[in-house]
Each structure stands twice: as C-alpha cells, then as structure tokens.
Amino acid sequence: MAEDCLFCRIAGGETNTEFLMETDKLVVFEDINPLAPVHLLLVPKQHIRSVNDLTEQDREILADLIFAARDMAPKMGVDSTGYRLFFNVEKGGGQEIFHLHMHMIGGWES
C-alpha cells in the first residue's frame, strides 16, 4: 500500500466509501464525478501505479477487473444496453489518481 494513495486508502477500508462489490483482490465503487448515469471504478487492492507498471504477475488482476465488470453490468442494468470499459494511462492519457483502476460507464438512453 502506498501511504499517500487515495485508492489504497479506499480499497483498504480507510474511508467511508460504499463498495458495490469487494473480493480479496479488488473493490468496486461509484465514481464521485460521474461521466455517465453509471460510472463505476474497479480498483485492485494491490497498489500498481498504472498500466505501464504492470508485470507478468499482474495478468490475473486484469482478468479479475474485467470479470468484475461483467458481473456488475446486470446489477447496474447495463448488460443489455451496453457499457464501456477503459483505463486512463499516465497524465497525458487522463490518469488523475496513480493507482491502476478501470472505469465502467454506461446507462445512457438508447
């Protein structure tokens, strides 16, 4: 855990953030500045700074993030209407918090 990392504190239960899902490896919660009617953040508990810092040993966490999104889609009502998954990488790619996380957005009227 990086001591100055907001997402490490959130994933570690040090804030009052409500988790929509929690496993031994990740947490899922709503973005406080949503870009869509549904905007979730899927955050590994392990501190990984960004996609650029992934190692071969991190392959499983990427699969866990994608499967967590798949599992959240019907709970959020976007499994049949569609949703988008993405990572922002580094400052120039829009990353604001330097702890790997995946965005899940959707819920627009079709």
Protein backbone atom coordinates (compact mmCIF):
# COMPACT_ATOMS: atom_id res chain seq x y z
CA MET A 1 0.00 0.00 0.00
CA ALA A 2 1.27 3.42 -0.92
CA GLU A 3 0.63 5.69 2.07
CA ASP A 4 -0.24 8.77 0.03
CA CYS A 5 -2.52 6.90 -2.41
CA LEU A 6 -6.23 7.67 -2.19
CA PHE A 7 -7.25 4.40 -3.86
CA CYS A 8 -5.06 2.39 -1.46
CA ARG A 9 -6.88 4.06 1.44
CA ILE A 10 -10.29 3.43 -0.16
CA ALA A 11 -9.52 -0.22 -1.01
CA GLY A 12 -8.13 -0.70 2.50
CA GLY A 13 -11.41 0.43 4.05
CA GLU A 14 -9.95 3.63 5.50
CA THR A 15 -12.71 5.85 4.04
CA ASN A 16 -16.49 5.75 4.18
CA THR A 17 -16.70 4.68 0.52
CA GLU A 18 -19.55 2.26 -0.14
CA PHE A 19 -18.39 -0.80 -2.06
CA LEU A 20 -20.76 -2.26 -4.62
CA MET A 21 -18.51 -5.33 -4.78
CA GLU A 22 -15.48 -6.46 -2.83
CA THR A 23 -13.29 -9.50 -3.30
CA ASP A 24 -9.95 -10.43 -1.81
CA LYS A 25 -8.28 -8.69 -4.79
CA LEU A 26 -10.44 -5.70 -5.75
CA VAL A 27 -13.18 -3.24 -4.86
CA VAL A 28 -15.86 -1.60 -6.98
CA PHE A 29 -17.47 1.73 -6.15
CA GLU A 30 -19.18 4.66 -7.84
CA ASP A 31 -17.09 7.50 -9.25
CA ILE A 32 -17.71 10.75 -7.34
CA ASN A 33 -17.50 12.71 -10.62
CA PRO A 34 -19.52 10.51 -12.99
CA LEU A 35 -19.21 10.84 -16.75
CA ALA A 36 -22.37 8.78 -17.33
CA PRO A 37 -25.50 7.65 -15.47
CA VAL A 38 -23.50 4.56 -14.45
CA HIS A 39 -19.83 5.23 -13.70
CA LEU A 40 -18.02 2.67 -11.60
CA LEU A 41 -14.37 2.40 -10.64
CA LEU A 42 -12.88 -1.08 -10.39
CA VAL A 43 -9.75 -0.87 -8.26
CA PRO A 44 -7.28 -3.60 -7.32
CA LYS A 45 -6.32 -3.70 -3.65
CA GLN A 46 -2.69 -4.15 -4.66
CA HIS A 47 -1.00 -0.86 -5.47
CA ILE A 48 0.02 -0.80 -9.12
CA ARG A 49 0.78 2.73 -10.28
CA SER A 50 -0.55 2.48 -13.87
CA VAL A 51 -0.87 0.16 -16.86
CA ASN A 52 2.77 1.00 -17.61
CA ASP A 53 3.80 -0.59 -14.32
CA LEU A 54 2.09 -3.96 -14.87
CA THR A 55 4.26 -7.06 -14.70
CA GLU A 56 3.66 -10.59 -15.94
CA GLN A 57 2.49 -11.48 -12.43
CA ASP A 58 -0.35 -8.92 -12.75
CA ARG A 59 -2.17 -10.70 -15.58
CA GLU A 60 -4.67 -12.26 -13.19
CA ILE A 61 -5.75 -8.91 -11.71
CA LEU A 62 -6.60 -7.62 -15.19
CA ALA A 63 -8.84 -10.63 -15.78
CA ASP A 64 -10.39 -10.11 -12.34
CA LEU A 65 -11.21 -6.48 -13.20
CA ILE A 66 -12.90 -7.45 -16.48
CA PHE A 67 -14.89 -10.28 -14.91
CA ALA A 68 -15.96 -7.98 -12.06
CA ALA A 69 -17.26 -5.51 -14.66
CA ARG A 70 -19.13 -8.31 -16.39
CA ASP A 71 -20.70 -9.27 -13.05
CA MET A 72 -21.60 -5.68 -12.20
CA ALA A 73 -23.27 -4.98 -15.57
CA PRO A 74 -26.57 -6.75 -14.83
CA LYS A 75 -26.64 -5.32 -11.29
CA MET A 76 -26.35 -1.82 -12.75
CA GLY A 77 -28.84 -2.54 -15.56
CA VAL A 78 -26.38 -2.04 -18.42
CA ASP A 79 -25.71 -5.61 -19.51
CA SER A 80 -28.20 -5.48 -22.38
CA THR A 81 -27.98 -1.76 -23.22
CA GLY A 82 -24.19 -1.67 -23.28
CA TYR A 83 -21.28 -0.17 -21.40
CA ARG A 84 -17.69 0.91 -21.91
CA LEU A 85 -14.57 -0.23 -20.05
CA PHE A 86 -11.38 1.81 -20.12
CA PHE A 87 -8.10 2.69 -18.41
CA ASN A 88 -6.56 6.16 -18.41
CA VAL A 89 -2.78 5.79 -18.58
CA GLU A 90 -0.45 8.49 -17.26
CA LYS A 91 -1.25 12.19 -17.00
CA GLY A 92 -1.38 12.71 -20.78
CA GLY A 93 -3.92 9.89 -21.04
CA GLY A 94 -6.17 11.39 -18.39
CA GLN A 95 -4.99 9.44 -15.35
CA GLU A 96 -5.51 11.57 -12.24
CA ILE A 97 -5.01 9.05 -9.45
CA PHE A 98 -1.86 7.00 -9.90
CA HIS A 99 -3.24 3.64 -8.79
CA LEU A 100 -4.37 1.29 -11.56
CA HIS A 101 -8.14 1.39 -12.00
CA MET A 102 -10.66 0.59 -14.69
CA HIS A 103 -13.69 2.72 -15.47
CA MET A 104 -17.07 1.22 -16.36
CA ILE A 105 -19.53 3.69 -17.86
CA GLY A 106 -22.98 3.31 -19.39
CA GLY A 107 -26.65 3.81 -18.71
CA TRP A 108 -27.45 6.33 -21.39
CA GLU A 109 -30.87 6.23 -23.04
CA SER A 110 -30.68 4.18 -26.21
